[in-house]
Amino acid sequence: MSEVTIKVEGMSCGGCVNNVTGVLKALAGVDDAQVSLENASATVRYDPARVSIEALRAAVENAGFDSPAS
């Protein structure tokens, strides 16, 4: 497993955190996702053979948030 922290912009409440957490955990290859409203980020433990960082960012963006490259 690998771990990456990606930026997540546009979250304003706990519901946003739950939404982002849910879309990330739903991806095949994601083992865990910890989303922080305070840090505007998501730390994701994932299998790079099954899911890419680009796919993680795309899931966040498809949920209505921004995930700019670091």
PDB file of N, CA and C in Angstrom:
ATOM      1  N   MET A   1       0.842  -1.194   0.000  1.00  0.00           N
ATOM      2  CA  MET A   1       0.000   0.000   0.000  1.00  0.00           C
ATOM      3  C   MET A   1       0.879   1.247   0.000  1.00  0.00           C
ATOM      4  N   SER A   2       0.377   2.250  -0.660  1.00  0.00           N
ATOM      5  CA  SER A   2       1.026   3.558  -0.667  1.00  0.00           C
ATOM      6  C   SER A   2       0.100   4.545   0.027  1.00  0.00           C
ATOM      7  N   GLU A   3       0.665   5.689   0.382  1.00  0.00           N
ATOM      8  CA  GLU A   3      -0.141   6.735   1.014  1.00  0.00           C
ATOM      9  C   GLU A   3       0.182   8.056   0.351  1.00  0.00           C
ATOM     10  N   VAL A   4      -0.857   8.844   0.099  1.00  0.00           N
ATOM     11  CA  VAL A   4      -0.685  10.148  -0.509  1.00  0.00           C
ATOM     12  C   VAL A   4      -1.644  11.127   0.167  1.00  0.00           C
ATOM     13  N   THR A   5      -1.219  12.379   0.267  1.00  0.00           N
ATOM     14  CA  THR A   5      -2.097  13.439   0.750  1.00  0.00           C
ATOM     15  C   THR A   5      -2.358  14.371  -0.419  1.00  0.00           C
ATOM     16  N   ILE A   6      -3.640  14.554  -0.730  1.00  0.00           N
ATOM     17  CA  ILE A   6      -4.019  15.441  -1.826  1.00  0.00           C
ATOM     18  C   ILE A   6      -4.808  16.620  -1.266  1.00  0.00           C
ATOM     19  N   LYS A   7      -4.721  17.746  -1.960  1.00  0.00           N
ATOM     20  CA  LYS A   7      -5.483  18.922  -1.568  1.00  0.00           C
ATOM     21  C   LYS A   7      -6.941  18.735  -1.963  1.00  0.00           C
ATOM     22  N   VAL A   8      -7.827  19.233  -1.110  1.00  0.00           N
ATOM     23  CA  VAL A   8      -9.262  19.218  -1.417  1.00  0.00           C
ATOM     24  C   VAL A   8      -9.794  20.599  -1.066  1.00  0.00           C
ATOM     25  N   GLU A   9     -10.114  21.374  -2.086  1.00  0.00           N
ATOM     26  CA  GLU A   9     -10.601  22.732  -1.872  1.00  0.00           C
ATOM     27  C   GLU A   9     -12.105  22.794  -2.086  1.00  0.00           C
ATOM     28  N   GLY A  10     -12.752  23.660  -1.309  1.00  0.00           N
ATOM     29  CA  GLY A  10     -14.184  23.869  -1.470  1.00  0.00           C
ATOM     30  C   GLY A  10     -15.033  23.224  -0.391  1.00  0.00           C
ATOM     31  N   MET A  11     -14.412  22.523   0.555  1.00  0.00           N
ATOM     32  CA  MET A  11     -15.182  21.924   1.653  1.00  0.00           C
ATOM     33  C   MET A  11     -15.494  23.003   2.677  1.00  0.00           C
ATOM     34  N   SER A  12     -16.724  22.962   3.208  1.00  0.00           N
ATOM     35  CA  SER A  12     -17.108  23.980   4.188  1.00  0.00           C
ATOM     36  C   SER A  12     -17.746  23.411   5.450  1.00  0.00           C
ATOM     37  N   CYS A  13     -17.961  22.074   5.498  1.00  0.00           N
ATOM     38  CA  CYS A  13     -18.645  21.502   6.656  1.00  0.00           C
ATOM     39  C   CYS A  13     -18.349  20.009   6.775  1.00  0.00           C
ATOM     40  N   GLY A  14     -18.859  19.432   7.831  1.00  0.00           N
ATOM     41  CA  GLY A  14     -18.685  18.007   8.048  1.00  0.00           C
ATOM     42  C   GLY A  14     -19.337  17.159   6.973  1.00  0.00           C
ATOM     43  N   GLY A  15     -20.423  17.646   6.402  1.00  0.00           N
ATOM     44  CA  GLY A  15     -21.074  16.923   5.321  1.00  0.00           C
ATOM     45  C   GLY A  15     -20.165  16.807   4.100  1.00  0.00           C
ATOM     46  N   CYS A  16     -19.422  17.875   3.838  1.00  0.00           N
ATOM     47  CA  CYS A  16     -18.451  17.848   2.735  1.00  0.00           C
ATOM     48  C   CYS A  16     -17.377  16.797   3.008  1.00  0.00           C
ATOM     49  N   VAL A  17     -16.899  16.761   4.232  1.00  0.00           N
ATOM     50  CA  VAL A  17     -15.879  15.775   4.622  1.00  0.00           C
ATOM     51  C   VAL A  17     -16.413  14.370   4.405  1.00  0.00           C
ATOM     52  N   ASN A  18     -17.653  14.124   4.844  1.00  0.00           N
ATOM     53  CA  ASN A  18     -18.261  12.799   4.672  1.00  0.00           C
ATOM     54  C   ASN A  18     -18.422  12.441   3.198  1.00  0.00           C
ATOM     55  N   ASN A  19     -18.799  13.417   2.387  1.00  0.00           N
ATOM     56  CA  ASN A  19     -18.975  13.201   0.960  1.00  0.00           C
ATOM     57  C   ASN A  19     -17.653  12.801   0.308  1.00  0.00           C
ATOM     58  N   VAL A  20     -16.586  13.564   0.573  1.00  0.00           N
ATOM     59  CA  VAL A  20     -15.275  13.278  -0.015  1.00  0.00           C
ATOM     60  C   VAL A  20     -14.755  11.931   0.485  1.00  0.00           C
ATOM     61  N   THR A  21     -14.921  11.670   1.775  1.00  0.00           N
ATOM     62  CA  THR A  21     -14.480  10.387   2.338  1.00  0.00           C
ATOM     63  C   THR A  21     -15.187   9.241   1.628  1.00  0.00           C
ATOM     64  N   GLY A  22     -16.482   9.368   1.426  1.00  0.00           N
ATOM     65  CA  GLY A  22     -17.264   8.319   0.792  1.00  0.00           C
ATOM     66  C   GLY A  22     -16.848   8.039  -0.639  1.00  0.00           C
ATOM     67  N   VAL A  23     -16.630   9.105  -1.432  1.00  0.00           N
ATOM     68  CA  VAL A  23     -16.266   8.872  -2.831  1.00  0.00           C
ATOM     69  C   VAL A  23     -14.874   8.262  -2.945  1.00  0.00           C
ATOM     70  N   LEU A  24     -13.982   8.639  -2.049  1.00  0.00           N
ATOM     71  CA  LEU A  24     -12.635   8.058  -2.099  1.00  0.00           C
ATOM     72  C   LEU A  24     -12.649   6.596  -1.673  1.00  0.00           C
ATOM     73  N   LYS A  25     -13.338   6.292  -0.579  1.00  0.00           N
ATOM     74  CA  LYS A  25     -13.377   4.908  -0.091  1.00  0.00           C
ATOM     75  C   LYS A  25     -14.107   3.977  -1.052  1.00  0.00           C
ATOM     76  N   ALA A  26     -14.971   4.537  -1.898  1.00  0.00           N
ATOM     77  CA  ALA A  26     -15.712   3.720  -2.856  1.00  0.00           C
ATOM     78  C   ALA A  26     -14.853   3.264  -4.032  1.00  0.00           C
ATOM     79  N   LEU A  27     -13.701   3.878  -4.223  1.00  0.00           N
ATOM     80  CA  LEU A  27     -12.840   3.501  -5.337  1.00  0.00           C
ATOM     81  C   LEU A  27     -12.157   2.167  -5.071  1.00  0.00           C
ATOM     82  N   ALA A  28     -12.148   1.312  -6.081  1.00  0.00           N
ATOM     83  CA  ALA A  28     -11.425   0.047  -5.973  1.00  0.00           C
ATOM     84  C   ALA A  28      -9.949   0.341  -5.796  1.00  0.00           C
ATOM     85  N   GLY A  29      -9.350  -0.276  -4.803  1.00  0.00           N
ATOM     86  CA  GLY A  29      -7.936  -0.069  -4.529  1.00  0.00           C
ATOM     87  C   GLY A  29      -7.661   0.875  -3.380  1.00  0.00           C
ATOM     88  N   VAL A  30      -8.700   1.572  -2.893  1.00  0.00           N
ATOM     89  CA  VAL A  30      -8.523   2.467  -1.746  1.00  0.00           C
ATOM     90  C   VAL A  30      -8.789   1.680  -0.469  1.00  0.00           C
ATOM     91  N   ASP A  31      -7.799   1.675   0.416  1.00  0.00           N
ATOM     92  CA  ASP A  31      -7.915   0.963   1.686  1.00  0.00           C
ATOM     93  C   ASP A  31      -8.512   1.860   2.763  1.00  0.00           C
ATOM     94  N   ASP A  32      -8.125   3.145   2.767  1.00  0.00           N
ATOM     95  CA  ASP A  32      -8.621   4.067   3.786  1.00  0.00           C
ATOM     96  C   ASP A  32      -8.467   5.491   3.281  1.00  0.00           C
ATOM     97  N   ALA A  33      -9.319   6.388   3.758  1.00  0.00           N
ATOM     98  CA  ALA A  33      -9.242   7.809   3.428  1.00  0.00           C
ATOM     99  C   ALA A  33      -9.574   8.608   4.678  1.00  0.00           C
ATOM    100  N   GLN A  34      -8.699   9.504   5.043  1.00  0.00           N
ATOM    101  CA  GLN A  34      -8.899  10.416   6.165  1.00  0.00           C
ATOM    102  C   GLN A  34      -8.932  11.829   5.604  1.00  0.00           C
ATOM    103  N   VAL A  35     -10.092  12.475   5.714  1.00  0.00           N
ATOM    104  CA  VAL A  35     -10.277  13.798   5.132  1.00  0.00           C
ATOM    105  C   VAL A  35     -10.307  14.834   6.245  1.00  0.00           C
ATOM    106  N   SER A  36      -9.560  15.921   6.047  1.00  0.00           N
ATOM    107  CA  SER A  36      -9.467  16.983   7.051  1.00  0.00           C
ATOM    108  C   SER A  36     -10.024  18.288   6.496  1.00  0.00           C
ATOM    109  N   LEU A  37     -11.087  18.786   7.122  1.00  0.00           N
ATOM    110  CA  LEU A  37     -11.650  20.079   6.756  1.00  0.00           C
ATOM    111  C   LEU A  37     -10.654  21.192   7.077  1.00  0.00           C
ATOM    112  N   GLU A  38     -10.018  21.103   8.251  1.00  0.00           N
ATOM    113  CA  GLU A  38      -9.079  22.128   8.704  1.00  0.00           C
ATOM    114  C   GLU A  38      -7.878  22.263   7.778  1.00  0.00           C
ATOM    115  N   ASN A  39      -7.366  21.138   7.291  1.00  0.00           N
ATOM    116  CA  ASN A  39      -6.181  21.163   6.431  1.00  0.00           C
ATOM    117  C   ASN A  39      -6.522  21.181   4.944  1.00  0.00           C
ATOM    118  N   ALA A  40      -7.808  21.102   4.629  1.00  0.00           N
ATOM    119  CA  ALA A  40      -8.267  21.063   3.241  1.00  0.00           C
ATOM    120  C   ALA A  40      -7.516  19.991   2.456  1.00  0.00           C
ATOM    121  N   SER A  41      -7.520  18.773   3.036  1.00  0.00           N
ATOM    122  CA  SER A  41      -6.772  17.697   2.399  1.00  0.00           C
ATOM    123  C   SER A  41      -7.398  16.335   2.695  1.00  0.00           C
ATOM    124  N   ALA A  42      -6.941  15.360   1.933  1.00  0.00           N
ATOM    125  CA  ALA A  42      -7.334  13.965   2.151  1.00  0.00           C
ATOM    126  C   ALA A  42      -6.073  13.117   2.109  1.00  0.00           C
ATOM    127  N   THR A  43      -5.888  12.314   3.138  1.00  0.00           N
ATOM    128  CA  THR A  43      -4.782  11.365   3.161  1.00  0.00           C
ATOM    129  C   THR A  43      -5.367  10.004   2.841  1.00  0.00           C
ATOM    130  N   VAL A  44      -4.869   9.419   1.766  1.00  0.00           N
ATOM    131  CA  VAL A  44      -5.463   8.193   1.234  1.00  0.00           C
ATOM    132  C   VAL A  44      -4.421   7.078   1.217  1.00  0.00           C
ATOM    133  N   ARG A  45      -4.800   5.930   1.768  1.00  0.00           N
ATOM    134  CA  ARG A  45      -3.972   4.724   1.671  1.00  0.00           C
ATOM    135  C   ARG A  45      -4.574   3.883   0.550  1.00  0.00           C
ATOM    136  N   TYR A  46      -3.754   3.567  -0.453  1.00  0.00           N
ATOM    137  CA  TYR A  46      -4.282   2.935  -1.659  1.00  0.00           C
ATOM    138  C   TYR A  46      -3.258   1.991  -2.276  1.00  0.00           C
ATOM    139  N   ASP A  47      -3.758   1.152  -3.176  1.00  0.00           N
ATOM    140  CA  ASP A  47      -2.926   0.223  -3.933  1.00  0.00           C
ATOM    141  C   ASP A  47      -2.658   0.854  -5.300  1.00  0.00           C
ATOM    142  N   PRO A  48      -1.429   1.307  -5.557  1.00  0.00           N
ATOM    143  CA  PRO A  48      -1.148   1.990  -6.825  1.00  0.00           C
ATOM    144  C   PRO A  48      -1.300   1.092  -8.049  1.00  0.00           C
ATOM    145  N   ALA A  49      -1.356  -0.209  -7.854  1.00  0.00           N
ATOM    146  CA  ALA A  49      -1.587  -1.118  -8.981  1.00  0.00           C
ATOM    147  C   ALA A  49      -3.065  -1.131  -9.385  1.00  0.00           C
ATOM    148  N   ARG A  50      -3.932  -0.612  -8.503  1.00  0.00           N
ATOM    149  CA  ARG A  50      -5.375  -0.661  -8.770  1.00  0.00           C
ATOM    150  C   ARG A  50      -6.000   0.710  -9.001  1.00  0.00           C
ATOM    151  N   VAL A  51      -5.389   1.764  -8.454  1.00  0.00           N
ATOM    152  CA  VAL A  51      -5.966   3.111  -8.597  1.00  0.00           C
ATOM    153  C   VAL A  51      -4.825   4.133  -8.625  1.00  0.00           C
ATOM    154  N   SER A  52      -4.973   5.143  -9.465  1.00  0.00           N
ATOM    155  CA  SER A  52      -3.939   6.171  -9.602  1.00  0.00           C
ATOM    156  C   SER A  52      -4.294   7.415  -8.788  1.00  0.00           C
ATOM    157  N   ILE A  53      -3.288   8.233  -8.560  1.00  0.00           N
ATOM    158  CA  ILE A  53      -3.520   9.510  -7.875  1.00  0.00           C
ATOM    159  C   ILE A  53      -4.462  10.372  -8.718  1.00  0.00           C
ATOM    160  N   GLU A  54      -4.320  10.298 -10.026  1.00  0.00           N
ATOM    161  CA  GLU A  54      -5.207  11.059 -10.914  1.00  0.00           C
ATOM    162  C   GLU A  54      -6.664  10.622 -10.736  1.00  0.00           C
ATOM    163  N   ALA A  55      -6.880   9.326 -10.532  1.00  0.00           N
ATOM    164  CA  ALA A  55      -8.247   8.824 -10.306  1.00  0.00           C
ATOM    165  C   ALA A  55      -8.790   9.314  -8.973  1.00  0.00           C
ATOM    166  N   LEU A  56      -7.927   9.424  -7.964  1.00  0.00           N
ATOM    167  CA  LEU A  56      -8.354   9.961  -6.670  1.00  0.00           C
ATOM    168  C   LEU A  56      -8.795  11.407  -6.834  1.00  0.00           C
ATOM    169  N   ARG A  57      -7.986  12.198  -7.527  1.00  0.00           N
ATOM    170  CA  ARG A  57      -8.334  13.608  -7.758  1.00  0.00           C
ATOM    171  C   ARG A  57      -9.619  13.718  -8.575  1.00  0.00           C
ATOM    172  N   ALA A  58      -9.773  12.871  -9.585  1.00  0.00           N
ATOM    173  CA  ALA A  58     -10.980  12.904 -10.424  1.00  0.00           C
ATOM    174  C   ALA A  58     -12.223  12.605  -9.595  1.00  0.00           C
ATOM    175  N   ALA A  59     -12.128  11.662  -8.663  1.00  0.00           N
ATOM    176  CA  ALA A  59     -13.274  11.336  -7.809  1.00  0.00           C
ATOM    177  C   ALA A  59     -13.667  12.528  -6.955  1.00  0.00           C
ATOM    178  N   VAL A  60     -12.672  13.223  -6.416  1.00  0.00           N
ATOM    179  CA  VAL A  60     -12.937  14.416  -5.601  1.00  0.00           C
ATOM    180  C   VAL A  60     -13.606  15.487  -6.466  1.00  0.00           C
ATOM    181  N   GLU A  61     -13.074  15.687  -7.667  1.00  0.00           N
ATOM    182  CA  GLU A  61     -13.635  16.721  -8.555  1.00  0.00           C
ATOM    183  C   GLU A  61     -15.041  16.357  -9.022  1.00  0.00           C
ATOM    184  N   ASN A  62     -15.282  15.071  -9.269  1.00  0.00           N
ATOM    185  CA  ASN A  62     -16.624  14.640  -9.680  1.00  0.00           C
ATOM    186  C   ASN A  62     -17.640  14.798  -8.552  1.00  0.00           C
ATOM    187  N   ALA A  63     -17.150  14.861  -7.309  1.00  0.00           N
ATOM    188  CA  ALA A  63     -18.038  15.086  -6.166  1.00  0.00           C
ATOM    189  C   ALA A  63     -18.313  16.571  -5.949  1.00  0.00           C
ATOM    190  N   GLY A  64     -17.687  17.427  -6.780  1.00  0.00           N
ATOM    191  CA  GLY A  64     -17.971  18.858  -6.706  1.00  0.00           C
ATOM    192  C   GLY A  64     -16.936  19.689  -5.983  1.00  0.00           C
ATOM    193  N   PHE A  65     -15.770  19.124  -5.735  1.00  0.00           N
ATOM    194  CA  PHE A  65     -14.709  19.850  -5.046  1.00  0.00           C
ATOM    195  C   PHE A  65     -13.492  19.969  -5.962  1.00  0.00           C
ATOM    196  N   ASP A  66     -12.569  20.848  -5.610  1.00  0.00           N
ATOM    197  CA  ASP A  66     -11.356  21.005  -6.392  1.00  0.00           C
ATOM    198  C   ASP A  66     -10.226  20.221  -5.728  1.00  0.00           C
ATOM    199  N   SER A  67      -9.368  19.630  -6.571  1.00  0.00           N
ATOM    200  CA  SER A  67      -8.211  18.906  -6.073  1.00  0.00           C
ATOM    201  C   SER A  67      -7.004  19.250  -6.951  1.00  0.00           C
ATOM    202  N   PRO A  68      -6.451  20.455  -6.731  1.00  0.00           N
ATOM    203  CA  PRO A  68      -5.311  20.867  -7.559  1.00  0.00           C
ATOM    204  C   PRO A  68      -4.073  20.034  -7.281  1.00  0.00           C
ATOM    205  N   ALA A  69      -3.247  19.869  -8.292  1.00  0.00           N
ATOM    206  CA  ALA A  69      -1.980  19.161  -8.109  1.00  0.00           C
ATOM    207  C   ALA A  69      -1.116  19.961  -7.140  1.00  0.00           C
ATOM    208  N   SER A  70      -0.362  19.246  -6.332  1.00  0.00           N
ATOM    209  CA  SER A  70       0.496  19.907  -5.335  1.00  0.00           C
ATOM    210  C   SER A  70       1.661  20.594  -6.002  1.00  0.00           C
TER     211      SER A  70
END
